[in-house]
Structures are given as structure tokens and as C-alpha cells.
Amino acid sequence: MMQNRARTVFLLAHTGRPAAIRSAELVVKGLLREGIGVRVLEYEAADLPLPDEVQLVKEATPQCLDGCELLIVLGGDGTLLRGAEFARASGVPMLGVNLGRVGFLAEAERDDLDKVVDRVVTKAYEVEERMTVDVVVHQNGNVVHTDWALNEAAVQKAGAEKLLEVVLEIDGRPVTGFGCDGIVLSTPTGSTAYAFSAGGPVVWPEVEALLMVPISAHALFAKPLVTSPDSVLAVEVLPHIPPGVLWCDGRRTVELPPGARVEVRRGAVPVRLARLHHASFTDRLVAKFALPVSGWRGAPH
């Protein structure tokens, strides 16, 4: 099909998983058969049985996706979040295929690979934008670190022996303070990830909001909070205590010395996700968590 020769897709896979290697081989062969070029990182290609036609890229930079219409990611949540870093930096939509357990960021499962190839070939997918957060760490009034997250920024204690003492702030006003294991500052996308495990609410992706969820707080008032997407959330680590750590999407970390202040606000750059289905988030939630809905009779007529 010569009309597809100018089209290129980037493939990112968790090459440590046999399922990912088999899936990558099937996707690559299917796309090449339809005349769509495939680009892969060189160090990943060494672990994948790929044809010679595949384009190899040496360095993992946003520029390696130049000219690509889609980023296909094969793996679990960690691999999908790694793919989100490429998608955000390049602006290329990410299509995730879940090879892990839950995989809320994924649009397809491993049994859907033929459908994935067909939808890519026919461009039968839509693109939606997911909110991110920008993260700034202050120390003594100076900015000492900047980062971002698609799911969450988590302020946590660095060791197991003592609680992290914090004061929470929203829109420049203090809310409460307590000792805890940490605080999760989450997007709606991240509400089904770490924030969910910490007891936070599930927020539908189309709802624009920010979440602040305490982790094992030693306090009477330590409820999850849902704020405006335009709010600025802050966590101040009190002085004279052991340092904490900041994790962004569980992938990037930096130490938080006593007295550090972490500010989180709506991100300037979203992550674009490719969608194959029009299924509601409610159906996705029920399926991913295998929720018990037997006996449901449907809406009344």
C-alpha cells in the first residue's frame, strides 16, 4: 500500500518481558506489511526480533520521534509512564497496549494486537489530552528543582523510622499540618494510581481537578481534598526533621531537605493519548477492577 510509505510509528517496549517481545514482533510485522515505517531505540532493538526495515535511533530524546504520527507503547504501567515522558516532550500521541496488571493508561490489551494494527493503518483512532502537573521545589526561597507528572507528585518520608512532618497549603493559605508517611498530589488520571491506593477518590478523566491525598496521616483531619484545576497545592516539610523525598510518577526522584517547599499546579503541557474505543470510563473502571455488577438490570425505561 504505497499511500502509507511516508507514515512512521515509534515503538517502545518493555524488552525484559517475553510477552512484550512477542507483541512487538507481531505489531512491527503487521505495520510493515501495510507499508508503515517503524522506528525503535537501538538498545531495545537488540532484544527484539526485528526485520532490517525497522529504523533504529541511538539516543532517547524527544527528537527521536520527529516525523512520527504515533507512539505505540507495549508494557505495564511503568513502561506506559516512560512512554508518557516521550509523548509529552514530543507532542506525539501515545497508544498504550497493556501487558501488565491494571494499566489504566493503556487503550488495548495484548489480545487486541491485530485490532491495534488495523486501527493504526486506517487511522481509526481519536486523540485526547490528559492534564499534567508542573512541580517546583523551593529551598530558602530559591527554586532548587523543577519537574512534572502525569499521574502524581508524591512527597514521602525518606526512612521508615520517623514520620514526615508537613503543613499543607492551597492557594496560598494553610489548611492543616500533621505527621504522615507522605502526601500524594495527583491529577484525575493519577486518581486510579498511587492516590487510589492511599485512599483517594476515583476522578473521571474529563473532570478537571487536582487531588491532595495524605498517606497514613497521624491526625484527626486528614481527608483527601479535591481542588480547582487552577489551584496551587503546596507541601512544606517542617525544619528540624529528617529529609523527605519527592517522586514524580514513581520514576524521577529528588531529596527534600528539612524546610523544603513543594508546589504543584496544572501543567503547561498535556500528554496526548490515542483512543481506539468510545467505551465510557465507568465501563473501563468496572473491567479493570473486576467490580461486582452482577444483578444490574439497566436504566429504567
Protein backbone atom coordinates (compact mmCIF):
# COMPACT_ATOMS: atom_id res chain seq x y z
CA MET A 1 0.00 0.00 0.00
CA MET A 2 2.18 2.82 -1.29
CA GLN A 3 -0.04 5.53 0.20
CA ASN A 4 1.30 4.64 3.67
CA ARG A 5 5.02 4.78 2.81
CA ALA A 6 5.51 8.24 4.29
CA ARG A 7 3.92 7.24 7.59
CA THR A 8 6.06 6.27 10.58
CA VAL A 9 5.24 4.91 14.03
CA PHE A 10 7.59 4.81 17.02
CA LEU A 11 7.57 1.63 19.12
CA LEU A 12 8.57 1.49 22.78
CA ALA A 13 8.51 -1.86 24.59
CA HIS A 14 9.44 -3.43 27.91
CA THR A 15 12.02 -5.78 26.42
CA GLY A 16 12.51 -7.57 29.74
CA ARG A 17 9.13 -9.24 29.29
CA PRO A 18 8.75 -12.17 26.89
CA ALA A 19 5.14 -11.05 26.24
CA ALA A 20 6.41 -7.64 25.14
CA ILE A 21 8.94 -9.17 22.78
CA ARG A 22 6.30 -11.35 21.13
CA SER A 23 3.86 -8.46 20.95
CA ALA A 24 6.47 -6.13 19.44
CA GLU A 25 7.25 -8.68 16.74
CA LEU A 26 3.57 -9.00 15.82
CA VAL A 27 2.96 -5.23 15.75
CA VAL A 28 6.10 -4.47 13.74
CA LYS A 29 5.41 -7.14 11.13
CA GLY A 30 1.78 -6.02 10.82
CA LEU A 31 2.69 -2.35 10.32
CA LEU A 32 5.49 -3.06 7.85
CA ARG A 33 3.21 -5.36 5.88
CA GLU A 34 0.84 -2.39 5.45
CA GLY A 35 3.65 -0.09 4.35
CA ILE A 36 4.01 1.89 7.61
CA GLY A 37 7.54 2.56 8.80
CA VAL A 38 8.57 1.61 12.34
CA ARG A 39 11.22 3.32 14.47
CA VAL A 40 12.78 1.75 17.59
CA LEU A 41 15.50 2.68 20.08
CA GLU A 42 18.72 0.91 19.15
CA TYR A 43 19.39 -0.54 22.60
CA GLU A 44 15.87 -2.02 22.70
CA ALA A 45 16.18 -3.42 19.18
CA ALA A 46 18.99 -5.68 20.36
CA ASP A 47 16.44 -7.65 22.41
CA LEU A 48 13.72 -7.69 19.75
CA PRO A 49 13.49 -9.94 16.66
CA LEU A 50 13.00 -7.08 14.20
CA PRO A 51 13.27 -7.01 10.38
CA ASP A 52 16.01 -4.96 8.71
CA GLU A 53 13.45 -2.37 7.53
CA VAL A 54 12.99 -1.05 11.07
CA GLN A 55 14.60 2.35 11.67
CA LEU A 56 16.99 2.44 14.65
CA VAL A 57 17.56 5.51 16.82
CA LYS A 58 20.63 5.75 19.08
CA GLU A 59 19.58 8.38 21.64
CA ALA A 60 16.33 8.51 23.60
CA THR A 61 15.45 12.18 23.05
CA PRO A 62 12.18 13.91 22.10
CA GLN A 63 13.68 14.48 18.64
CA CYS A 64 13.77 10.72 18.00
CA LEU A 65 10.00 10.94 17.40
CA ASP A 66 10.31 13.63 14.73
CA GLY A 67 8.09 12.71 11.79
CA CYS A 68 6.22 10.00 13.74
CA GLU A 69 2.43 10.14 13.85
CA LEU A 70 2.05 7.81 16.82
CA LEU A 71 3.96 6.31 19.76
CA ILE A 72 2.95 2.72 20.50
CA VAL A 73 3.94 1.51 23.97
CA LEU A 74 3.91 -2.17 24.95
CA GLY A 75 4.21 -2.94 28.66
CA GLY A 76 2.88 -2.35 32.14
CA ASP A 77 2.23 0.88 34.00
CA GLY A 78 5.93 1.69 34.37
CA THR A 79 6.57 1.37 30.65
CA LEU A 80 3.47 3.42 29.86
CA LEU A 81 4.67 6.21 32.15
CA ARG A 82 8.04 6.05 30.45
CA GLY A 83 6.23 6.42 27.14
CA ALA A 84 4.34 9.40 28.56
CA GLU A 85 7.67 11.19 29.00
CA PHE A 86 8.31 10.81 25.26
CA ALA A 87 4.73 11.75 24.38
CA ARG A 88 4.75 14.94 26.45
CA ALA A 89 8.13 16.13 25.23
CA SER A 90 7.40 15.42 21.56
CA GLY A 91 3.65 16.12 21.36
CA VAL A 92 3.16 12.75 19.62
CA PRO A 93 0.05 10.83 20.79
CA MET A 94 0.71 7.66 22.80
CA LEU A 95 -1.20 4.42 22.23
CA GLY A 96 -0.66 2.01 25.11
CA VAL A 97 -1.04 -1.76 24.97
CA ASN A 98 -1.28 -3.20 28.48
CA LEU A 99 0.97 -6.16 29.21
CA GLY A 100 0.84 -5.67 32.98
CA ARG A 101 -1.94 -5.85 35.54
CA VAL A 102 -4.29 -2.84 35.65
CA GLY A 103 -2.98 -0.43 33.02
CA PHE A 104 -5.45 2.47 33.11
CA LEU A 105 -3.25 4.42 30.68
CA ALA A 106 -3.46 1.61 28.13
CA GLU A 107 -6.06 1.57 25.39
CA ALA A 108 -5.71 -2.08 24.39
CA GLU A 109 -4.82 -5.46 25.86
CA ARG A 110 -2.37 -8.00 24.47
CA ASP A 111 -5.22 -9.94 22.80
CA ASP A 112 -6.10 -6.85 20.73
CA LEU A 113 -2.85 -6.54 18.76
CA ASP A 114 -4.46 -7.26 15.37
CA LYS A 115 -7.08 -4.61 16.10
CA VAL A 116 -4.36 -2.14 17.14
CA VAL A 117 -2.53 -2.60 13.85
CA ASP A 118 -5.74 -2.26 11.86
CA ARG A 119 -6.78 0.92 13.65
CA VAL A 120 -3.35 2.48 13.16
CA VAL A 121 -3.32 1.59 9.48
CA THR A 122 -6.79 3.08 8.89
CA LYS A 123 -6.20 5.99 11.31
CA ALA A 124 -9.32 4.87 13.18
CA TYR A 125 -8.36 6.44 16.48
CA GLU A 126 -9.02 9.67 18.29
CA VAL A 127 -6.67 11.77 20.40
CA GLU A 128 -7.49 13.20 23.81
CA GLU A 129 -5.39 15.38 26.10
CA ARG A 130 -4.69 14.48 29.72
CA MET A 131 -3.82 17.07 32.31
CA THR A 132 -0.34 17.02 33.83
CA VAL A 133 1.11 18.87 36.82
CA ASP A 134 4.18 21.07 36.98
CA VAL A 135 6.24 20.65 40.14
CA VAL A 136 8.60 23.20 41.72
CA VAL A 137 10.77 22.63 44.81
CA HIS A 138 11.84 25.69 46.83
CA GLN A 139 14.57 25.81 49.47
CA ASN A 140 15.29 29.02 51.40
CA GLY A 141 13.28 30.99 48.85
CA ASN A 142 15.20 29.60 45.86
CA VAL A 143 13.98 27.18 43.19
CA VAL A 144 16.16 24.09 43.53
CA HIS A 145 14.29 21.61 41.33
CA THR A 146 11.55 21.52 38.69
CA ASP A 147 9.69 18.51 37.36
CA TRP A 148 6.29 17.36 36.06
CA ALA A 149 3.96 14.37 36.37
CA LEU A 150 1.08 12.77 34.51
CA ASN A 151 -0.18 10.73 37.48
CA GLU A 152 1.18 12.31 40.63
CA ALA A 153 3.90 14.04 42.57
CA ALA A 154 4.39 12.28 45.92
CA VAL A 155 6.15 13.85 48.91
CA GLN A 156 7.26 10.99 51.16
CA LYS A 157 9.42 10.26 54.16
CA ALA A 158 12.87 9.00 53.26
CA GLY A 159 13.19 6.41 56.02
CA ALA A 160 10.94 4.04 57.91
CA GLU A 161 11.78 5.15 61.43
CA LYS A 162 10.14 8.61 61.66
CA LEU A 163 7.09 10.40 60.29
CA LEU A 164 7.33 13.23 57.81
CA GLU A 165 6.07 16.46 59.42
CA VAL A 166 4.30 18.68 56.89
CA VAL A 167 1.99 21.66 56.52
CA LEU A 168 -0.47 21.61 53.61
CA GLU A 169 -1.40 24.75 51.72
CA ILE A 170 -3.92 25.54 48.98
CA ASP A 171 -3.90 28.79 47.02
CA GLY A 172 -1.51 30.47 49.43
CA ARG A 173 -3.50 29.61 52.58
CA PRO A 174 -2.60 26.93 55.16
CA VAL A 175 -5.07 24.06 55.53
CA THR A 176 -3.62 21.70 58.12
CA GLY A 177 -0.43 20.09 59.35
CA PHE A 178 0.43 16.64 60.68
CA GLY A 179 2.88 13.79 60.69
CA CYS A 180 2.46 11.23 57.91
CA ASP A 181 4.18 8.82 55.57
CA GLY A 182 3.60 11.27 52.73
CA ILE A 183 1.25 13.30 50.55
CA VAL A 184 0.11 12.45 47.02
CA LEU A 185 -0.60 15.41 44.73
CA SER A 186 -2.49 13.90 41.83
CA THR A 187 -4.21 14.58 38.53
CA PRO A 188 -7.53 12.90 37.63
CA THR A 189 -5.50 10.43 35.55
CA GLY A 190 -3.49 9.57 38.65
CA SER A 191 -6.59 9.10 40.79
CA THR A 192 -6.59 5.39 39.87
CA ALA A 193 -2.89 5.02 40.67
CA TYR A 194 -0.98 5.88 43.87
CA ALA A 195 -3.69 8.29 45.09
CA PHE A 196 -6.24 5.45 44.87
CA SER A 197 -4.00 3.16 46.94
CA ALA A 198 -3.69 5.93 49.55
CA GLY A 199 -7.49 6.15 49.89
CA GLY A 200 -8.24 8.96 47.46
CA PRO A 201 -11.36 9.18 45.30
CA VAL A 202 -11.60 7.98 41.71
CA VAL A 203 -11.99 11.04 39.48
CA TRP A 204 -13.27 10.67 35.92
CA PRO A 205 -10.60 11.85 33.41
CA GLU A 206 -12.82 14.55 31.89
CA VAL A 207 -13.16 16.21 35.31
CA GLU A 208 -10.56 18.95 35.63
CA ALA A 209 -9.29 18.95 39.19
CA LEU A 210 -6.27 18.43 41.42
CA LEU A 211 -6.13 15.98 44.34
CA MET A 212 -4.27 16.13 47.64
CA VAL A 213 -4.26 12.73 49.40
CA PRO A 214 -2.45 12.05 52.71
CA ILE A 215 -0.62 8.75 53.20
CA SER A 216 -1.08 7.20 56.66
CA ALA A 217 -1.51 10.56 58.41
CA HIS A 218 -1.35 10.72 62.20
CA ALA A 219 -4.19 13.24 62.51
CA LEU A 220 -7.93 13.58 63.12
CA PHE A 221 -8.43 15.66 59.96
CA ALA A 222 -6.51 14.10 57.10
CA LYS A 223 -9.13 13.59 54.40
CA PRO A 224 -8.39 13.61 50.65
CA LEU A 225 -9.07 17.02 49.11
CA VAL A 226 -10.23 17.82 45.56
CA THR A 227 -9.50 21.34 44.36
CA SER A 228 -9.91 23.53 41.30
CA PRO A 229 -7.56 22.75 38.40
CA ASP A 230 -6.31 26.32 38.74
CA SER A 231 -5.37 25.93 42.41
CA VAL A 232 -1.78 25.84 43.59
CA LEU A 233 -1.13 23.00 46.04
CA ALA A 234 1.87 23.19 48.36
CA VAL A 235 3.50 20.90 50.90
CA GLU A 236 6.03 22.37 53.33
CA VAL A 237 8.40 19.94 55.04
CA LEU A 238 8.97 21.25 58.56
CA PRO A 239 12.52 22.10 59.70
CA HIS A 240 14.48 20.01 62.22
CA ILE A 241 13.22 16.66 60.94
CA PRO A 242 14.83 14.02 58.72
CA PRO A 243 14.71 14.80 54.98
CA GLY A 244 11.96 13.56 52.71
CA VAL A 245 11.88 12.62 49.04
CA LEU A 246 9.84 13.75 46.05
CA TRP A 247 8.75 11.17 43.49
CA CYS A 248 7.18 12.15 40.16
CA ASP A 249 5.19 9.33 38.57
CA GLY A 250 7.30 6.88 40.57
CA ARG A 251 10.11 7.39 38.05
CA ARG A 252 12.03 10.54 38.96
CA THR A 253 13.12 11.38 42.48
CA VAL A 254 14.93 14.12 44.39
CA GLU A 255 15.73 14.56 48.10
CA LEU A 256 13.72 17.12 50.05
CA PRO A 257 15.80 18.66 52.85
CA PRO A 258 14.08 19.92 56.02
CA GLY A 259 12.29 23.19 55.27
CA ALA A 260 11.74 22.38 51.59
CA ARG A 261 8.53 23.51 49.93
CA VAL A 262 6.91 21.61 47.04
CA GLU A 263 4.43 23.47 44.84
CA VAL A 264 2.18 21.72 42.33
CA ARG A 265 -0.01 23.39 39.73
CA ARG A 266 -1.72 22.47 36.48
CA GLY A 267 0.89 21.55 33.88
CA ALA A 268 1.52 23.79 30.90
CA VAL A 269 1.96 20.77 28.57
CA PRO A 270 -0.57 17.89 28.47
CA VAL A 271 0.04 14.30 27.42
CA ARG A 272 -1.86 13.24 24.30
CA LEU A 273 -3.38 9.75 24.33
CA ALA A 274 -4.67 7.86 21.31
CA ARG A 275 -8.05 6.23 21.89
CA LEU A 276 -9.47 3.27 19.94
CA HIS A 277 -12.74 2.87 21.81
CA HIS A 278 -15.68 5.04 22.79
CA ALA A 279 -16.35 2.98 25.93
CA SER A 280 -17.16 5.08 28.97
CA PHE A 281 -14.70 5.43 31.83
CA THR A 282 -17.32 3.72 34.02
CA ASP A 283 -17.07 0.56 31.91
CA ARG A 284 -13.27 0.78 31.96
CA LEU A 285 -13.31 1.12 35.75
CA VAL A 286 -15.58 -1.90 36.18
CA ALA A 287 -13.44 -4.00 33.84
CA LYS A 288 -10.04 -3.01 35.22
CA PHE A 289 -11.01 -3.62 38.86
CA ALA A 290 -13.38 -6.52 38.09
CA LEU A 291 -16.11 -4.78 40.11
CA PRO A 292 -19.15 -6.90 41.10
CA VAL A 293 -22.06 -5.65 38.99
CA SER A 294 -23.96 -8.89 38.55
CA GLY A 295 -27.68 -8.36 39.05
CA TRP A 296 -27.69 -4.92 37.40
CA ARG A 297 -30.91 -4.55 35.40
CA GLY A 298 -30.04 -1.41 33.49
CA ALA A 299 -31.59 2.04 33.50
CA PRO A 300 -35.40 2.17 33.94
CA HIS A 301 -37.47 2.89 30.84
